[in-house]
PDB file of N, CA and C in Angstrom:
ATOM      1  N   MET A   1     -12.903  -0.422   2.301  1.00  0.00           N
ATOM      2  CA  MET A   1     -12.975  -1.262   1.129  1.00  0.00           C
ATOM      3  C   MET A   1     -11.768  -2.183   1.101  1.00  0.00           C
ATOM      4  N   ALA A   2     -11.981  -3.409   0.728  1.00  0.00           N
ATOM      5  CA  ALA A   2     -10.896  -4.386   0.629  1.00  0.00           C
ATOM      6  C   ALA A   2     -10.249  -4.281  -0.749  1.00  0.00           C
ATOM      7  N   TYR A   3      -8.946  -4.081  -0.739  1.00  0.00           N
ATOM      8  CA  TYR A   3      -8.194  -3.986  -1.986  1.00  0.00           C
ATOM      9  C   TYR A   3      -7.526  -5.319  -2.280  1.00  0.00           C
ATOM     10  N   THR A   4      -7.156  -5.517  -3.544  1.00  0.00           N
ATOM     11  CA  THR A   4      -6.470  -6.743  -3.940  1.00  0.00           C
ATOM     12  C   THR A   4      -5.156  -6.395  -4.630  1.00  0.00           C
ATOM     13  N   GLU A   5      -4.285  -7.387  -4.688  1.00  0.00           N
ATOM     14  CA  GLU A   5      -3.005  -7.223  -5.385  1.00  0.00           C
ATOM     15  C   GLU A   5      -3.227  -6.966  -6.878  1.00  0.00           C
ATOM     16  N   VAL A   6      -4.287  -7.529  -7.431  1.00  0.00           N
ATOM     17  CA  VAL A   6      -4.595  -7.329  -8.847  1.00  0.00           C
ATOM     18  C   VAL A   6      -4.900  -5.853  -9.119  1.00  0.00           C
ATOM     19  N   GLN A   7      -5.637  -5.221  -8.221  1.00  0.00           N
ATOM     20  CA  GLN A   7      -5.937  -3.801  -8.382  1.00  0.00           C
ATOM     21  C   GLN A   7      -4.662  -2.973  -8.313  1.00  0.00           C
ATOM     22  N   LEU A   8      -3.793  -3.280  -7.361  1.00  0.00           N
ATOM     23  CA  LEU A   8      -2.531  -2.557  -7.236  1.00  0.00           C
ATOM     24  C   LEU A   8      -1.689  -2.736  -8.491  1.00  0.00           C
ATOM     25  N   GLN A   9      -1.609  -3.957  -8.995  1.00  0.00           N
ATOM     26  CA  GLN A   9      -0.835  -4.225 -10.212  1.00  0.00           C
ATOM     27  C   GLN A   9      -1.385  -3.448 -11.402  1.00  0.00           C
ATOM     28  N   ALA A  10      -2.705  -3.373 -11.523  1.00  0.00           N
ATOM     29  CA  ALA A  10      -3.323  -2.636 -12.631  1.00  0.00           C
ATOM     30  C   ALA A  10      -2.997  -1.147 -12.541  1.00  0.00           C
ATOM     31  N   LEU A  11      -3.031  -0.593 -11.338  1.00  0.00           N
ATOM     32  CA  LEU A  11      -2.700   0.829 -11.161  1.00  0.00           C
ATOM     33  C   LEU A  11      -1.233   1.098 -11.500  1.00  0.00           C
ATOM     34  N   GLU A  12      -0.342   0.245 -11.014  1.00  0.00           N
ATOM     35  CA  GLU A  12       1.084   0.433 -11.285  1.00  0.00           C
ATOM     36  C   GLU A  12       1.411   0.246 -12.761  1.00  0.00           C
ATOM     37  N   THR A  13       0.748  -0.674 -13.422  1.00  0.00           N
ATOM     38  CA  THR A  13       0.956  -0.880 -14.856  1.00  0.00           C
ATOM     39  C   THR A  13       0.503   0.345 -15.643  1.00  0.00           C
ATOM     40  N   ALA A  14      -0.640   0.903 -15.280  1.00  0.00           N
ATOM     41  CA  ALA A  14      -1.134   2.105 -15.958  1.00  0.00           C
ATOM     42  C   ALA A  14      -0.166   3.261 -15.767  1.00  0.00           C
ATOM     43  N   LEU A  15       0.370   3.407 -14.565  1.00  0.00           N
ATOM     44  CA  LEU A  15       1.328   4.483 -14.302  1.00  0.00           C
ATOM     45  C   LEU A  15       2.594   4.296 -15.131  1.00  0.00           C
ATOM     46  N   ALA A  16       3.070   3.060 -15.210  1.00  0.00           N
ATOM     47  CA  ALA A  16       4.287   2.776 -15.981  1.00  0.00           C
ATOM     48  C   ALA A  16       4.093   3.049 -17.469  1.00  0.00           C
ATOM     49  N   LYS A  17       2.887   2.812 -17.974  1.00  0.00           N
ATOM     50  CA  LYS A  17       2.602   3.050 -19.387  1.00  0.00           C
ATOM     51  C   LYS A  17       2.234   4.496 -19.678  1.00  0.00           C
ATOM     52  N   GLY A  18       2.016   5.285 -18.631  1.00  0.00           N
ATOM     53  CA  GLY A  18       1.629   6.674 -18.830  1.00  0.00           C
ATOM     54  C   GLY A  18       0.147   6.852 -19.100  1.00  0.00           C
ATOM     55  N   GLU A  19      -0.640   5.844 -18.793  1.00  0.00           N
ATOM     56  CA  GLU A  19      -2.084   5.912 -19.009  1.00  0.00           C
ATOM     57  C   GLU A  19      -2.771   6.447 -17.766  1.00  0.00           C
ATOM     58  N   LYS A  20      -3.963   7.008 -17.962  1.00  0.00           N
ATOM     59  CA  LYS A  20      -4.745   7.484 -16.829  1.00  0.00           C
ATOM     60  C   LYS A  20      -6.045   6.704 -16.681  1.00  0.00           C
ATOM     61  N   ARG A  21      -6.244   5.711 -17.532  1.00  0.00           N
ATOM     62  CA  ARG A  21      -7.442   4.879 -17.474  1.00  0.00           C
ATOM     63  C   ARG A  21      -7.038   3.486 -17.005  1.00  0.00           C
ATOM     64  N   VAL A  22      -7.755   2.999 -15.973  1.00  0.00           N
ATOM     65  CA  VAL A  22      -7.448   1.703 -15.375  1.00  0.00           C
ATOM     66  C   VAL A  22      -8.714   0.871 -15.339  1.00  0.00           C
ATOM     67  N   SER A  23      -8.590  -0.408 -15.710  1.00  0.00           N
ATOM     68  CA  SER A  23      -9.736  -1.324 -15.675  1.00  0.00           C
ATOM     69  C   SER A  23      -9.518  -2.382 -14.606  1.00  0.00           C
ATOM     70  N   PHE A  24     -10.545  -2.582 -13.776  1.00  0.00           N
ATOM     71  CA  PHE A  24     -10.556  -3.624 -12.757  1.00  0.00           C
ATOM     72  C   PHE A  24     -11.717  -4.544 -13.085  1.00  0.00           C
ATOM     73  N   GLY A  25     -11.449  -5.615 -13.757  1.00  0.00           N
ATOM     74  CA  GLY A  25     -12.529  -6.529 -14.125  1.00  0.00           C
ATOM     75  C   GLY A  25     -13.505  -5.849 -15.072  1.00  0.00           C
ATOM     76  N   ASP A  26     -14.729  -5.608 -14.616  1.00  0.00           N
ATOM     77  CA  ASP A  26     -15.753  -4.991 -15.465  1.00  0.00           C
ATOM     78  C   ASP A  26     -15.878  -3.486 -15.232  1.00  0.00           C
ATOM     79  N   LYS A  27     -15.041  -2.909 -14.352  1.00  0.00           N
ATOM     80  CA  LYS A  27     -15.107  -1.476 -14.068  1.00  0.00           C
ATOM     81  C   LYS A  27     -13.897  -0.758 -14.640  1.00  0.00           C
ATOM     82  N   THR A  28     -14.122   0.458 -15.123  1.00  0.00           N
ATOM     83  CA  THR A  28     -13.043   1.283 -15.657  1.00  0.00           C
ATOM     84  C   THR A  28     -13.058   2.627 -14.952  1.00  0.00           C
ATOM     85  N   VAL A  29     -11.889   3.079 -14.544  1.00  0.00           N
ATOM     86  CA  VAL A  29     -11.744   4.364 -13.860  1.00  0.00           C
ATOM     87  C   VAL A  29     -10.749   5.192 -14.650  1.00  0.00           C
ATOM     88  N   GLU A  30     -11.094   6.448 -14.890  1.00  0.00           N
ATOM     89  CA  GLU A  30     -10.163   7.355 -15.557  1.00  0.00           C
ATOM     90  C   GLU A  30      -9.786   8.457 -14.582  1.00  0.00           C
ATOM     91  N   TYR A  31      -8.487   8.571 -14.307  1.00  0.00           N
ATOM     92  CA  TYR A  31      -7.983   9.568 -13.372  1.00  0.00           C
ATOM     93  C   TYR A  31      -7.690  10.864 -14.107  1.00  0.00           C
ATOM     94  N   ARG A  32      -7.845  11.977 -13.412  1.00  0.00           N
ATOM     95  CA  ARG A  32      -7.657  13.291 -14.043  1.00  0.00           C
ATOM     96  C   ARG A  32      -6.189  13.633 -14.259  1.00  0.00           C
ATOM     97  N   SER A  33      -5.330  13.119 -13.386  1.00  0.00           N
ATOM     98  CA  SER A  33      -3.912  13.447 -13.503  1.00  0.00           C
ATOM     99  C   SER A  33      -3.069  12.267 -13.016  1.00  0.00           C
ATOM    100  N   VAL A  34      -1.787  12.357 -13.284  1.00  0.00           N
ATOM    101  CA  VAL A  34      -0.854  11.332 -12.829  1.00  0.00           C
ATOM    102  C   VAL A  34      -0.765  11.370 -11.301  1.00  0.00           C
ATOM    103  N   GLU A  35      -0.829  12.566 -10.721  1.00  0.00           N
ATOM    104  CA  GLU A  35      -0.789  12.686  -9.266  1.00  0.00           C
ATOM    105  C   GLU A  35      -1.974  11.980  -8.621  1.00  0.00           C
ATOM    106  N   GLU A  36      -3.133  12.090  -9.217  1.00  0.00           N
ATOM    107  CA  GLU A  36      -4.312  11.403  -8.692  1.00  0.00           C
ATOM    108  C   GLU A  36      -4.129   9.885  -8.778  1.00  0.00           C
ATOM    109  N   LEU A  37      -3.496   9.420  -9.834  1.00  0.00           N
ATOM    110  CA  LEU A  37      -3.204   7.992  -9.984  1.00  0.00           C
ATOM    111  C   LEU A  37      -2.199   7.540  -8.925  1.00  0.00           C
ATOM    112  N   LYS A  38      -1.183   8.348  -8.675  1.00  0.00           N
ATOM    113  CA  LYS A  38      -0.204   8.028  -7.632  1.00  0.00           C
ATOM    114  C   LYS A  38      -0.864   8.002  -6.255  1.00  0.00           C
ATOM    115  N   ASP A  39      -1.795   8.917  -6.006  1.00  0.00           N
ATOM    116  CA  ASP A  39      -2.536   8.914  -4.741  1.00  0.00           C
ATOM    117  C   ASP A  39      -3.343   7.626  -4.588  1.00  0.00           C
ATOM    118  N   ALA A  40      -3.935   7.163  -5.674  1.00  0.00           N
ATOM    119  CA  ALA A  40      -4.703   5.922  -5.639  1.00  0.00           C
ATOM    120  C   ALA A  40      -3.793   4.733  -5.323  1.00  0.00           C
ATOM    121  N   ILE A  41      -2.600   4.726  -5.895  1.00  0.00           N
ATOM    122  CA  ILE A  41      -1.640   3.654  -5.614  1.00  0.00           C
ATOM    123  C   ILE A  41      -1.256   3.658  -4.141  1.00  0.00           C
ATOM    124  N   ARG A  42      -0.982   4.848  -3.593  1.00  0.00           N
ATOM    125  CA  ARG A  42      -0.647   4.949  -2.170  1.00  0.00           C
ATOM    126  C   ARG A  42      -1.801   4.460  -1.294  1.00  0.00           C
ATOM    127  N   GLU A  43      -3.021   4.811  -1.654  1.00  0.00           N
ATOM    128  CA  GLU A  43      -4.195   4.388  -0.894  1.00  0.00           C
ATOM    129  C   GLU A  43      -4.361   2.873  -0.920  1.00  0.00           C
ATOM    130  N   VAL A  44      -4.163   2.262  -2.074  1.00  0.00           N
ATOM    131  CA  VAL A  44      -4.297   0.811  -2.186  1.00  0.00           C
ATOM    132  C   VAL A  44      -3.190   0.117  -1.384  1.00  0.00           C
ATOM    133  N   LYS A  45      -1.961   0.615  -1.467  1.00  0.00           N
ATOM    134  CA  LYS A  45      -0.868   0.022  -0.695  1.00  0.00           C
ATOM    135  C   LYS A  45      -1.142   0.127   0.800  1.00  0.00           C
ATOM    136  N   ARG A  46      -1.638   1.281   1.249  1.00  0.00           N
ATOM    137  CA  ARG A  46      -1.958   1.466   2.654  1.00  0.00           C
ATOM    138  C   ARG A  46      -3.062   0.497   3.081  1.00  0.00           C
ATOM    139  N   GLY A  47      -4.067   0.364   2.238  1.00  0.00           N
ATOM    140  CA  GLY A  47      -5.159  -0.558   2.541  1.00  0.00           C
ATOM    141  C   GLY A  47      -4.698  -2.007   2.610  1.00  0.00           C
ATOM    142  N   LEU A  48      -3.813  -2.401   1.702  1.00  0.00           N
ATOM    143  CA  LEU A  48      -3.291  -3.773   1.720  1.00  0.00           C
ATOM    144  C   LEU A  48      -2.481  -4.036   2.983  1.00  0.00           C
ATOM    145  N   LEU A  49      -1.683  -3.046   3.416  1.00  0.00           N
ATOM    146  CA  LEU A  49      -0.904  -3.221   4.644  1.00  0.00           C
ATOM    147  C   LEU A  49      -1.815  -3.315   5.858  1.00  0.00           C
ATOM    148  N   GLU A  50      -2.872  -2.512   5.892  1.00  0.00           N
ATOM    149  CA  GLU A  50      -3.826  -2.576   6.998  1.00  0.00           C
ATOM    150  C   GLU A  50      -4.536  -3.927   7.033  1.00  0.00           C
ATOM    151  N   GLN A  51      -4.909  -4.427   5.861  1.00  0.00           N
ATOM    152  CA  GLN A  51      -5.560  -5.736   5.796  1.00  0.00           C
ATOM    153  C   GLN A  51      -4.619  -6.835   6.274  1.00  0.00           C
ATOM    154  N   ALA A  52      -3.350  -6.752   5.879  1.00  0.00           N
ATOM    155  CA  ALA A  52      -2.376  -7.761   6.284  1.00  0.00           C
ATOM    156  C   ALA A  52      -2.137  -7.695   7.791  1.00  0.00           C
ATOM    157  N   ALA A  53      -2.067  -6.490   8.347  1.00  0.00           N
ATOM    158  CA  ALA A  53      -1.861  -6.344   9.790  1.00  0.00           C
ATOM    159  C   ALA A  53      -3.075  -6.849  10.567  1.00  0.00           C
ATOM    160  N   ALA A  54      -4.263  -6.573  10.061  1.00  0.00           N
ATOM    161  CA  ALA A  54      -5.478  -7.008  10.745  1.00  0.00           C
ATOM    162  C   ALA A  54      -5.626  -8.529  10.724  1.00  0.00           C
ATOM    163  N   SER A  55      -5.150  -9.166   9.670  1.00  0.00           N
ATOM    164  CA  SER A  55      -5.276 -10.623   9.574  1.00  0.00           C
ATOM    165  C   SER A  55      -4.106 -11.354  10.224  1.00  0.00           C
ATOM    166  N   GLY A  56      -3.097 -10.610  10.674  1.00  0.00           N
ATOM    167  CA  GLY A  56      -1.952 -11.231  11.326  1.00  0.00           C
ATOM    168  C   GLY A  56      -0.861 -11.661  10.378  1.00  0.00           C
ATOM    169  N   LEU A  57      -1.020 -11.371   9.095  1.00  0.00           N
ATOM    170  CA  LEU A  57       0.009 -11.759   8.124  1.00  0.00           C
ATOM    171  C   LEU A  57       1.218 -10.840   8.177  1.00  0.00           C
ATOM    172  N   TRP A  58       1.024  -9.628   8.635  1.00  0.00           N
ATOM    173  CA  TRP A  58       2.106  -8.654   8.716  1.00  0.00           C
ATOM    174  C   TRP A  58       2.179  -8.192  10.158  1.00  0.00           C
ATOM    175  N   PRO A  59       3.316  -8.297  10.781  1.00  0.00           N
ATOM    176  CA  PRO A  59       3.385  -7.906  12.192  1.00  0.00           C
ATOM    177  C   PRO A  59       3.217  -6.405  12.364  1.00  0.00           C
ATOM    178  N   GLY A  60       2.815  -6.034  13.540  1.00  0.00           N
ATOM    179  CA  GLY A  60       2.665  -4.616  13.865  1.00  0.00           C
ATOM    180  C   GLY A  60       4.026  -3.970  14.065  1.00  0.00           C
ATOM    181  N   ALA A  61       4.052  -2.989  14.898  1.00  0.00           N
ATOM    182  CA  ALA A  61       5.300  -2.280  15.157  1.00  0.00           C
ATOM    183  C   ALA A  61       6.305  -3.231  15.808  1.00  0.00           C
ATOM    184  N   PRO A  62       7.567  -3.131  15.423  1.00  0.00           N
ATOM    185  CA  PRO A  62       8.566  -4.017  16.013  1.00  0.00           C
ATOM    186  C   PRO A  62       8.794  -3.689  17.486  1.00  0.00           C
ATOM    187  N   ARG A  63       9.070  -4.709  18.279  1.00  0.00           N
ATOM    188  CA  ARG A  63       9.367  -4.491  19.687  1.00  0.00           C
ATOM    189  C   ARG A  63      10.801  -4.044  19.834  1.00  0.00           C
ATOM    190  N   GLN A  64      11.017  -3.188  20.796  1.00  0.00           N
ATOM    191  CA  GLN A  64      12.371  -2.729  21.072  1.00  0.00           C
ATOM    192  C   GLN A  64      12.738  -3.139  22.491  1.00  0.00           C
ATOM    193  N   ILE A  65      13.896  -3.700  22.614  1.00  0.00           N
ATOM    194  CA  ILE A  65      14.415  -4.049  23.930  1.00  0.00           C
ATOM    195  C   ILE A  65      15.680  -3.232  24.116  1.00  0.00           C
ATOM    196  N   ARG A  66      15.678  -2.418  25.150  1.00  0.00           N
ATOM    197  CA  ARG A  66      16.842  -1.566  25.408  1.00  0.00           C
ATOM    198  C   ARG A  66      17.537  -2.034  26.666  1.00  0.00           C
ATOM    199  N   ILE A  67      18.816  -2.201  26.582  1.00  0.00           N
ATOM    200  CA  ILE A  67      19.617  -2.636  27.701  1.00  0.00           C
ATOM    201  C   ILE A  67      20.611  -1.537  27.999  1.00  0.00           C
ATOM    202  N   THR A  68      20.628  -1.115  29.235  1.00  0.00           N
ATOM    203  CA  THR A  68      21.613  -0.107  29.650  1.00  0.00           C
ATOM    204  C   THR A  68      22.491  -0.694  30.735  1.00  0.00           C
ATOM    205  N   THR A  69      23.714  -0.318  30.733  1.00  0.00           N
ATOM    206  CA  THR A  69      24.640  -0.787  31.746  1.00  0.00           C
ATOM    207  C   THR A  69      25.398   0.395  32.307  1.00  0.00           C
ATOM    208  N   GLY A  70      25.878   0.225  33.442  1.00  0.00           N
ATOM    209  CA  GLY A  70      26.695   1.266  34.071  1.00  0.00           C
ATOM    210  C   GLY A  70      27.929   0.635  34.707  1.00  0.00           C
ATOM    211  N   LYS A  71      28.923   1.438  34.896  1.00  0.00           N
ATOM    212  CA  LYS A  71      30.168   0.935  35.482  1.00  0.00           C
ATOM    213  C   LYS A  71      30.296   1.543  36.865  1.00  0.00           C
ATOM    214  N   GLY A  72      30.407   0.731  37.816  1.00  0.00           N
ATOM    215  CA  GLY A  72      30.583   1.217  39.183  1.00  0.00           C
ATOM    216  C   GLY A  72      29.264   1.615  39.835  1.00  0.00           C
ATOM    217  N   PHE A  73      29.356   2.384  40.907  1.00  0.00           N
ATOM    218  CA  PHE A  73      28.158   2.777  41.663  1.00  0.00           C
ATOM    219  C   PHE A  73      27.773   4.165  41.360  1.00  0.00           C
TER     220      PHE A  73
END
């Protein structure tokens, strides 16, 4: 499922207010606990990062270049 920044903002706002009910446009979701709401936030953030990586907006793993030197033979 494609997530949006608006959905993430709505989840974070609900968490900050201590609410367990979140509305996304015409849909309303009520979470059973704060932990379930936090899990939803983590899932949306993960999905947004995956979408950004797939579209090329966010780079993948950073490249590492290692240089070693030695003294003498």
